[in-house]
C-alpha atoms as a PDB file:
ATOM      1  CA  MET A   1       8.464  23.151 -14.452  1.00  0.00           C
ATOM      2  CA  THR A   2      10.214  20.838 -11.993  1.00  0.00           C
ATOM      3  CA  THR A   3      12.355  18.080 -13.430  1.00  0.00           C
ATOM      4  CA  ALA A   4      13.110  16.151 -10.251  1.00  0.00           C
ATOM      5  CA  LEU A   5      12.426  12.853 -12.007  1.00  0.00           C
ATOM      6  CA  SER A   6      14.265  13.537 -15.269  1.00  0.00           C
ATOM      7  CA  GLY A   7      15.775  10.343 -16.606  1.00  0.00           C
ATOM      8  CA  LYS A   8      13.409   8.150 -14.590  1.00  0.00           C
ATOM      9  CA  THR A   9      10.756   5.974 -16.220  1.00  0.00           C
ATOM     10  CA  ALA A  10       7.390   5.439 -14.551  1.00  0.00           C
ATOM     11  CA  LEU A  11       4.889   2.705 -15.379  1.00  0.00           C
ATOM     12  CA  VAL A  12       1.344   3.434 -14.194  1.00  0.00           C
ATOM     13  CA  THR A  13      -1.194   0.659 -14.666  1.00  0.00           C
ATOM     14  CA  GLY A  14      -4.759   1.658 -15.523  1.00  0.00           C
ATOM     15  CA  SER A  15      -3.562   5.114 -16.552  1.00  0.00           C
ATOM     16  CA  THR A  16      -5.652   6.076 -19.558  1.00  0.00           C
ATOM     17  CA  SER A  17      -8.281   7.754 -17.333  1.00  0.00           C
ATOM     18  CA  GLY A  18      -9.183   8.712 -13.770  1.00  0.00           C
ATOM     19  CA  ILE A  19      -6.717   8.325 -10.906  1.00  0.00           C
ATOM     20  CA  GLY A  20      -4.067   6.652 -13.046  1.00  0.00           C
ATOM     21  CA  LEU A  21      -4.054   9.448 -15.606  1.00  0.00           C
ATOM     22  CA  GLY A  22      -3.876  12.092 -12.870  1.00  0.00           C
ATOM     23  CA  ILE A  23      -0.832  10.353 -11.388  1.00  0.00           C
ATOM     24  CA  ALA A  24       0.779   9.939 -14.815  1.00  0.00           C
ATOM     25  CA  LEU A  25       0.371  13.658 -15.530  1.00  0.00           C
ATOM     26  CA  SER A  26       1.976  14.587 -12.189  1.00  0.00           C
ATOM     27  CA  LEU A  27       4.939  12.303 -12.890  1.00  0.00           C
ATOM     28  CA  ALA A  28       5.309  13.692 -16.413  1.00  0.00           C
ATOM     29  CA  LYS A  29       5.290  17.264 -15.087  1.00  0.00           C
ATOM     30  CA  ALA A  30       8.143  16.267 -12.771  1.00  0.00           C
ATOM     31  CA  GLY A  31      10.189  15.142 -15.779  1.00  0.00           C
ATOM     32  CA  ALA A  32       9.620  11.374 -15.814  1.00  0.00           C
ATOM     33  CA  ASN A  33       9.183   9.299 -18.921  1.00  0.00           C
ATOM     34  CA  LEU A  34       5.830   7.493 -18.835  1.00  0.00           C
ATOM     35  CA  ILE A  35       4.557   4.091 -19.823  1.00  0.00           C
ATOM     36  CA  LEU A  36       0.769   4.230 -19.857  1.00  0.00           C
ATOM     37  CA  ASN A  37      -1.423   1.149 -19.622  1.00  0.00           C
ATOM     38  CA  GLY A  38      -5.060   0.656 -20.507  1.00  0.00           C
ATOM     39  CA  PHE A  39      -7.466  -0.613 -23.137  1.00  0.00           C
ATOM     40  CA  GLY A  40      -8.585   1.096 -26.330  1.00  0.00           C
ATOM     41  CA  ASP A  41      -7.181   3.941 -28.393  1.00  0.00           C
ATOM     42  CA  ALA A  42      -4.718   5.804 -26.160  1.00  0.00           C
ATOM     43  CA  SER A  43      -3.574   8.402 -28.731  1.00  0.00           C
ATOM     44  CA  ALA A  44      -5.326  11.359 -27.059  1.00  0.00           C
ATOM     45  CA  VAL A  45      -3.990  10.439 -23.616  1.00  0.00           C
ATOM     46  CA  ILE A  46      -0.466   9.923 -24.983  1.00  0.00           C
ATOM     47  CA  ALA A  47      -0.613  13.419 -26.530  1.00  0.00           C
ATOM     48  CA  GLU A  48      -1.836  14.891 -23.225  1.00  0.00           C
ATOM     49  CA  VAL A  49       1.063  13.359 -21.287  1.00  0.00           C
ATOM     50  CA  LYS A  50       3.604  14.098 -24.026  1.00  0.00           C
ATOM     51  CA  GLN A  51       3.085  17.862 -23.735  1.00  0.00           C
ATOM     52  CA  PHE A  52       5.476  17.858 -20.755  1.00  0.00           C
ATOM     53  CA  GLY A  53       8.377  16.796 -22.940  1.00  0.00           C
ATOM     54  CA  GLY A  54       9.244  13.303 -21.770  1.00  0.00           C
ATOM     55  CA  GLN A  55       9.175  10.058 -23.679  1.00  0.00           C
ATOM     56  CA  VAL A  56       5.734   8.427 -23.558  1.00  0.00           C
ATOM     57  CA  GLY A  57       4.744   4.893 -24.424  1.00  0.00           C
ATOM     58  CA  HIS A  58       1.634   2.768 -24.052  1.00  0.00           C
ATOM     59  CA  HIS A  59       1.103  -0.938 -23.498  1.00  0.00           C
ATOM     60  CA  PRO A  60      -2.423  -2.430 -23.631  1.00  0.00           C
ATOM     61  CA  ALA A  61      -1.754  -5.316 -21.209  1.00  0.00           C
ATOM     62  CA  ASP A  62      -4.783  -6.849 -19.537  1.00  0.00           C
ATOM     63  CA  VAL A  63      -3.337  -6.964 -16.036  1.00  0.00           C
ATOM     64  CA  SER A  64      -5.565  -9.889 -15.066  1.00  0.00           C
ATOM     65  CA  ASP A  65      -3.154 -11.990 -17.180  1.00  0.00           C
ATOM     66  CA  PRO A  66       0.360 -12.546 -15.760  1.00  0.00           C
ATOM     67  CA  ALA A  67       1.742 -13.254 -19.249  1.00  0.00           C
ATOM     68  CA  GLN A  68       0.561  -9.857 -20.511  1.00  0.00           C
ATOM     69  CA  ILE A  69       2.091  -8.152 -17.462  1.00  0.00           C
ATOM     70  CA  ALA A  70       5.381  -9.897 -18.266  1.00  0.00           C
ATOM     71  CA  ASP A  71       5.113  -8.679 -21.865  1.00  0.00           C
ATOM     72  CA  MET A  72       4.520  -5.115 -20.624  1.00  0.00           C
ATOM     73  CA  LEU A  73       7.623  -5.236 -18.417  1.00  0.00           C
ATOM     74  CA  ALA A  74       9.640  -6.671 -21.320  1.00  0.00           C
ATOM     75  CA  TYR A  75       8.407  -3.742 -23.440  1.00  0.00           C
ATOM     76  CA  ALA A  76       9.515  -1.333 -20.691  1.00  0.00           C
ATOM     77  CA  GLU A  77      12.985  -2.893 -20.634  1.00  0.00           C
ATOM     78  CA  ARG A  78      13.289  -2.892 -24.409  1.00  0.00           C
ATOM     79  CA  GLU A  79      11.996   0.614 -25.109  1.00  0.00           C
ATOM     80  CA  PHE A  80      12.851   2.530 -21.901  1.00  0.00           C
ATOM     81  CA  GLY A  81      15.647   0.581 -20.234  1.00  0.00           C
ATOM     82  CA  GLY A  82      13.360  -0.657 -17.472  1.00  0.00           C
ATOM     83  CA  VAL A  83      11.056   0.784 -14.842  1.00  0.00           C
ATOM     84  CA  ASP A  84      12.249   3.088 -12.048  1.00  0.00           C
ATOM     85  CA  ILE A  85       8.811   3.963 -10.662  1.00  0.00           C
ATOM     86  CA  LEU A  86       5.960   1.466 -10.620  1.00  0.00           C
ATOM     87  CA  VAL A  87       2.473   2.676  -9.729  1.00  0.00           C
ATOM     88  CA  ASN A  88       0.044  -0.224  -9.396  1.00  0.00           C
ATOM     89  CA  ASN A  89      -3.263   1.529  -9.946  1.00  0.00           C
ATOM     90  CA  ALA A  90      -5.488  -0.681 -12.131  1.00  0.00           C
ATOM     91  CA  GLY A  91      -8.685  -1.733 -10.419  1.00  0.00           C
ATOM     92  CA  ILE A  92     -12.297  -2.817 -10.922  1.00  0.00           C
ATOM     93  CA  GLN A  93     -15.313  -3.072  -8.637  1.00  0.00           C
ATOM     94  CA  HIS A  94     -18.467  -5.146  -8.258  1.00  0.00           C
ATOM     95  CA  VAL A  95     -21.064  -4.842  -5.508  1.00  0.00           C
ATOM     96  CA  ALA A  96     -23.094  -7.818  -4.263  1.00  0.00           C
ATOM     97  CA  ALA A  97     -23.732  -9.702  -1.023  1.00  0.00           C
ATOM     98  CA  VAL A  98     -21.267 -12.516  -0.374  1.00  0.00           C
ATOM     99  CA  GLU A  99     -23.776 -15.308  -0.975  1.00  0.00           C
ATOM    100  CA  ASN A 100     -24.767 -13.727  -4.288  1.00  0.00           C
ATOM    101  CA  PHE A 101     -21.296 -12.656  -5.410  1.00  0.00           C
ATOM    102  CA  PRO A 102     -20.573 -14.080  -8.887  1.00  0.00           C
ATOM    103  CA  VAL A 103     -17.523 -16.334  -8.664  1.00  0.00           C
ATOM    104  CA  GLU A 104     -16.099 -15.033 -11.939  1.00  0.00           C
ATOM    105  CA  ARG A 105     -16.379 -11.455 -10.632  1.00  0.00           C
ATOM    106  CA  TRP A 106     -14.513 -12.428  -7.456  1.00  0.00           C
ATOM    107  CA  ASP A 107     -11.756 -14.034  -9.540  1.00  0.00           C
ATOM    108  CA  SER A 108     -11.381 -11.043 -11.861  1.00  0.00           C
ATOM    109  CA  ILE A 109     -11.304  -8.487  -9.018  1.00  0.00           C
ATOM    110  CA  ILE A 110      -8.650 -10.470  -7.125  1.00  0.00           C
ATOM    111  CA  ALA A 111      -6.643 -10.886 -10.339  1.00  0.00           C
ATOM    112  CA  ILE A 112      -6.727  -7.206 -11.330  1.00  0.00           C
ATOM    113  CA  ASN A 113      -6.738  -5.494  -7.927  1.00  0.00           C
ATOM    114  CA  LEU A 114      -4.291  -7.785  -6.081  1.00  0.00           C
ATOM    115  CA  SER A 115      -2.476 -10.405  -8.165  1.00  0.00           C
ATOM    116  CA  SER A 116      -1.430  -7.834 -10.784  1.00  0.00           C
ATOM    117  CA  VAL A 117       0.317  -5.856  -8.024  1.00  0.00           C
ATOM    118  CA  PHE A 118       2.336  -8.954  -7.112  1.00  0.00           C
ATOM    119  CA  HIS A 119       3.269  -9.772 -10.707  1.00  0.00           C
ATOM    120  CA  ALA A 120       4.261  -6.242 -11.700  1.00  0.00           C
ATOM    121  CA  THR A 121       6.257  -5.850  -8.479  1.00  0.00           C
ATOM    122  CA  ARG A 122       8.146  -9.139  -8.742  1.00  0.00           C
ATOM    123  CA  LEU A 123       9.081  -8.351 -12.349  1.00  0.00           C
ATOM    124  CA  SER A 124      10.153  -4.766 -11.612  1.00  0.00           C
ATOM    125  CA  LEU A 125      12.195  -5.343  -8.470  1.00  0.00           C
ATOM    126  CA  PRO A 126      15.293  -6.977 -10.013  1.00  0.00           C
ATOM    127  CA  GLY A 127      15.856  -4.012 -12.326  1.00  0.00           C
ATOM    128  CA  MET A 128      15.337  -1.499  -9.515  1.00  0.00           C
ATOM    129  CA  ARG A 129      17.806  -3.360  -7.313  1.00  0.00           C
ATOM    130  CA  ALA A 130      20.340  -3.464 -10.157  1.00  0.00           C
ATOM    131  CA  LYS A 131      20.036   0.304 -10.685  1.00  0.00           C
ATOM    132  CA  GLY A 132      20.199   0.974  -6.944  1.00  0.00           C
ATOM    133  CA  TRP A 133      16.981   3.023  -6.915  1.00  0.00           C
ATOM    134  CA  GLY A 134      13.264   2.410  -7.266  1.00  0.00           C
ATOM    135  CA  ARG A 135       9.838   3.437  -6.057  1.00  0.00           C
ATOM    136  CA  ILE A 136       6.783   1.183  -5.903  1.00  0.00           C
ATOM    137  CA  VAL A 137       3.498   2.893  -5.060  1.00  0.00           C
ATOM    138  CA  ASN A 138       0.375   0.756  -4.740  1.00  0.00           C
ATOM    139  CA  ILE A 139      -2.971   2.503  -5.012  1.00  0.00           C
ATOM    140  CA  ALA A 140      -4.921   0.691  -2.307  1.00  0.00           C
ATOM    141  CA  SER A 141      -8.009   2.276  -0.719  1.00  0.00           C
ATOM    142  CA  VAL A 142      -9.578   3.083   2.612  1.00  0.00           C
ATOM    143  CA  HIS A 143     -11.206  -0.276   1.905  1.00  0.00           C
ATOM    144  CA  GLY A 144      -7.795  -1.789   2.535  1.00  0.00           C
ATOM    145  CA  GLN A 145      -8.337  -0.889   6.187  1.00  0.00           C
ATOM    146  CA  VAL A 146     -12.116  -0.961   6.726  1.00  0.00           C
ATOM    147  CA  GLY A 147     -15.006  -2.920   5.258  1.00  0.00           C
ATOM    148  CA  SER A 148     -18.149  -1.896   3.405  1.00  0.00           C
ATOM    149  CA  VAL A 149     -21.277  -3.952   2.782  1.00  0.00           C
ATOM    150  CA  GLY A 150     -21.408  -5.584  -0.645  1.00  0.00           C
ATOM    151  CA  LYS A 151     -17.736  -5.115  -1.510  1.00  0.00           C
ATOM    152  CA  ALA A 152     -16.252  -8.446  -0.410  1.00  0.00           C
ATOM    153  CA  ALA A 153     -13.818  -8.924  -3.290  1.00  0.00           C
ATOM    154  CA  TYR A 154     -12.692  -5.295  -3.437  1.00  0.00           C
ATOM    155  CA  VAL A 155     -12.146  -5.077   0.323  1.00  0.00           C
ATOM    156  CA  ALA A 156     -10.316  -8.410   0.404  1.00  0.00           C
ATOM    157  CA  ALA A 157      -8.078  -7.380  -2.496  1.00  0.00           C
ATOM    158  CA  LYS A 158      -7.233  -3.972  -1.045  1.00  0.00           C
ATOM    159  CA  HIS A 159      -6.451  -5.472   2.384  1.00  0.00           C
ATOM    160  CA  GLY A 160      -4.145  -7.836   0.484  1.00  0.00           C
ATOM    161  CA  VAL A 161      -2.448  -4.952  -1.308  1.00  0.00           C
ATOM    162  CA  ILE A 162      -1.598  -3.314   2.031  1.00  0.00           C
ATOM    163  CA  GLY A 163      -0.224  -6.610   3.374  1.00  0.00           C
ATOM    164  CA  LEU A 164       1.887  -7.120   0.255  1.00  0.00           C
ATOM    165  CA  THR A 165       3.122  -3.522   0.514  1.00  0.00           C
ATOM    166  CA  LYS A 166       4.365  -4.149   4.053  1.00  0.00           C
ATOM    167  CA  VAL A 167       6.248  -7.293   3.015  1.00  0.00           C
ATOM    168  CA  VAL A 168       7.924  -5.618   0.019  1.00  0.00           C
ATOM    169  CA  GLY A 169       8.707  -2.593   2.201  1.00  0.00           C
ATOM    170  CA  LEU A 170      10.520  -4.880   4.645  1.00  0.00           C
ATOM    171  CA  GLU A 171      12.290  -6.903   1.963  1.00  0.00           C
ATOM    172  CA  THR A 172      13.686  -3.706   0.389  1.00  0.00           C
ATOM    173  CA  ALA A 173      14.337  -1.870   3.680  1.00  0.00           C
ATOM    174  CA  THR A 174      18.132  -1.772   3.361  1.00  0.00           C
ATOM    175  CA  SER A 175      18.072  -0.699  -0.287  1.00  0.00           C
ATOM    176  CA  ASN A 176      17.213   2.496  -2.153  1.00  0.00           C
ATOM    177  CA  VAL A 177      13.967   0.889  -3.277  1.00  0.00           C
ATOM    178  CA  THR A 178      10.816   1.770  -1.340  1.00  0.00           C
ATOM    179  CA  CYS A 179       7.306   0.334  -1.452  1.00  0.00           C
ATOM    180  CA  ASN A 180       4.263   2.122  -0.059  1.00  0.00           C
ATOM    181  CA  ALA A 181       0.504   2.177  -0.470  1.00  0.00           C
ATOM    182  CA  ILE A 182      -1.839   5.139  -0.846  1.00  0.00           C
ATOM    183  CA  CYS A 183      -5.352   4.732   0.535  1.00  0.00           C
ATOM    184  CA  PRO A 184      -7.788   7.174  -1.103  1.00  0.00           C
ATOM    185  CA  GLY A 185     -11.321   7.766   0.101  1.00  0.00           C
ATOM    186  CA  TRP A 186     -13.959   8.814  -2.416  1.00  0.00           C
ATOM    187  CA  VAL A 187     -12.423  10.062  -5.658  1.00  0.00           C
ATOM    188  CA  LEU A 188     -14.823  11.156  -8.398  1.00  0.00           C
ATOM    189  CA  THR A 189     -13.985   8.373 -10.835  1.00  0.00           C
ATOM    190  CA  PRO A 190     -16.395   6.517 -13.146  1.00  0.00           C
ATOM    191  CA  LEU A 191     -16.756   3.832 -10.415  1.00  0.00           C
ATOM    192  CA  VAL A 192     -17.911   6.430  -7.881  1.00  0.00           C
ATOM    193  CA  GLN A 193     -19.990   8.381 -10.409  1.00  0.00           C
ATOM    194  CA  LYS A 194     -21.990   5.200 -11.021  1.00  0.00           C
ATOM    195  CA  GLN A 195     -22.928   5.107  -7.322  1.00  0.00           C
ATOM    196  CA  ILE A 196     -24.068   8.735  -7.555  1.00  0.00           C
ATOM    197  CA  ASP A 197     -26.012   7.975 -10.749  1.00  0.00           C
ATOM    198  CA  ASP A 198     -27.770   5.073  -9.018  1.00  0.00           C
ATOM    199  CA  ARG A 199     -29.042   7.521  -6.387  1.00  0.00           C
ATOM    200  CA  ILE A 200     -30.114  10.034  -9.027  1.00  0.00           C
ATOM    201  CA  ALA A 201     -32.062   7.252 -10.766  1.00  0.00           C
ATOM    202  CA  THR A 202     -34.227   6.952  -7.650  1.00  0.00           C
ATOM    203  CA  GLY A 203     -35.261  10.622  -8.015  1.00  0.00           C
ATOM    204  CA  VAL A 204     -32.625  12.288  -5.808  1.00  0.00           C
ATOM    205  CA  ASP A 205     -31.318  15.697  -6.925  1.00  0.00           C
ATOM    206  CA  PRO A 206     -27.774  15.305  -8.423  1.00  0.00           C
ATOM    207  CA  GLN A 207     -26.148  17.681  -5.932  1.00  0.00           C
ATOM    208  CA  GLN A 208     -27.956  15.999  -3.048  1.00  0.00           C
ATOM    209  CA  ALA A 209     -26.929  12.559  -4.319  1.00  0.00           C
ATOM    210  CA  GLN A 210     -23.266  13.604  -4.302  1.00  0.00           C
ATOM    211  CA  HIS A 211     -23.582  15.199  -0.853  1.00  0.00           C
ATOM    212  CA  ASP A 212     -25.307  12.125   0.591  1.00  0.00           C
ATOM    213  CA  LEU A 213     -22.645   9.766  -0.749  1.00  0.00           C
ATOM    214  CA  LEU A 214     -19.843  11.856   0.769  1.00  0.00           C
ATOM    215  CA  ALA A 215     -21.695  12.419   4.054  1.00  0.00           C
ATOM    216  CA  GLU A 216     -21.938   8.676   4.687  1.00  0.00           C
ATOM    217  CA  LYS A 217     -18.164   8.238   4.875  1.00  0.00           C
ATOM    218  CA  GLN A 218     -16.045  11.330   4.130  1.00  0.00           C
ATOM    219  CA  PRO A 219     -16.270  14.118   6.770  1.00  0.00           C
ATOM    220  CA  SER A 220     -14.661  16.755   4.541  1.00  0.00           C
ATOM    221  CA  LEU A 221     -17.671  16.444   2.182  1.00  0.00           C
ATOM    222  CA  GLU A 222     -15.197  16.892  -0.677  1.00  0.00           C
ATOM    223  CA  PHE A 223     -13.795  14.377  -3.116  1.00  0.00           C
ATOM    224  CA  VAL A 224     -10.105  13.541  -3.174  1.00  0.00           C
ATOM    225  CA  THR A 225      -8.742  14.559  -6.604  1.00  0.00           C
ATOM    226  CA  PRO A 226      -6.392  12.704  -8.971  1.00  0.00           C
ATOM    227  CA  PRO A 227      -3.894  15.639  -8.917  1.00  0.00           C
ATOM    228  CA  GLN A 228      -3.752  15.411  -5.096  1.00  0.00           C
ATOM    229  CA  LEU A 229      -2.951  11.707  -5.390  1.00  0.00           C
ATOM    230  CA  GLY A 230      -0.331  12.546  -8.015  1.00  0.00           C
ATOM    231  CA  GLU A 231       1.376  14.998  -5.671  1.00  0.00           C
ATOM    232  CA  LEU A 232       1.486  12.353  -2.930  1.00  0.00           C
ATOM    233  CA  VAL A 233       3.113   9.919  -5.370  1.00  0.00           C
ATOM    234  CA  LEU A 234       5.720  12.590  -6.152  1.00  0.00           C
ATOM    235  CA  PHE A 235       6.480  12.995  -2.446  1.00  0.00           C
ATOM    236  CA  LEU A 236       6.976   9.237  -2.072  1.00  0.00           C
ATOM    237  CA  CYS A 237       9.332   9.349  -5.070  1.00  0.00           C
ATOM    238  CA  SER A 238      11.383  12.197  -3.556  1.00  0.00           C
ATOM    239  CA  GLU A 239      14.363  12.097  -1.216  1.00  0.00           C
ATOM    240  CA  ALA A 240      12.056  13.430   1.510  1.00  0.00           C
ATOM    241  CA  GLY A 241       9.996  10.254   1.189  1.00  0.00           C
ATOM    242  CA  SER A 242      12.943   7.850   1.214  1.00  0.00           C
ATOM    243  CA  GLN A 243      12.284   6.619   4.763  1.00  0.00           C
ATOM    244  CA  VAL A 244       8.574   6.082   4.216  1.00  0.00           C
ATOM    245  CA  ARG A 245       8.613   2.301   3.852  1.00  0.00           C
ATOM    246  CA  GLY A 246       5.777  -0.204   3.933  1.00  0.00           C
ATOM    247  CA  ALA A 247       3.304   2.522   4.842  1.00  0.00           C
ATOM    248  CA  ALA A 248      -0.408   2.779   4.060  1.00  0.00           C
ATOM    249  CA  TRP A 249      -0.979   6.515   3.641  1.00  0.00           C
ATOM    250  CA  ASN A 250      -4.585   7.691   4.068  1.00  0.00           C
ATOM    251  CA  ILE A 251      -5.861  10.520   1.874  1.00  0.00           C
ATOM    252  CA  ASP A 252      -9.548  10.269   2.618  1.00  0.00           C
ATOM    253  CA  GLY A 253     -11.090  13.507   3.906  1.00  0.00           C
ATOM    254  CA  GLY A 254     -11.147  12.100   7.439  1.00  0.00           C
ATOM    255  CA  TRP A 255     -12.898   8.791   6.623  1.00  0.00           C
ATOM    256  CA  LEU A 256     -10.587   6.642   8.784  1.00  0.00           C
ATOM    257  CA  ALA A 257     -10.337   9.202  11.597  1.00  0.00           C
ATOM    258  CA  GLN A 258     -13.895   8.392  12.670  1.00  0.00           C
END
């Protein structure tokens, strides 16, 4: 087992399932201590991450609330001595035409998908600068670079995440802190499974529904996997990734090559 990140502490928001959990497991395998974040009983997920031997904690912060984010970072400082690696992953989705988009849904998507990235970053940066090392990885999306019908809030938020990533990348350019974004295409998460299920509900065969969803956007016709995203995070945390700064890294089966 590699221990390249031994002694480092990683905070991954939205990490009790899906992409966030996959990234947390990759970081734990590399020797990092983990602070998980998400709602509900996290005992099973904590045990899964703990098997790799590092210290594991959990904070249930609702990242739509800046005060709860501040409390989570205070917990990280108190229990782990701060955050060395911040992965801003938490996200939600809602699909509706702009003129029908519920205002409260817009506000919550912007708060969770964009504003939380700002708050967690601003609170983590001083400690990283003081230690002389840090990695911030923002899980954006191909929708940070292209649009899709019905996804106004999500697309706006993810475009914002890439813009924020560039600014933080520039502001930390002469330090040993880096900030980058990863832009996944379709990953088989509960959000994407719901879109497949909606097709199945119209009478489409499950395999065909999955194929049709991928064929619309993702030329590889294969989903990106959470472990693949985790390995990319590890690269960005490595010495080899130390001059990747302010980048938006596509991992999308060819989506944006079209």
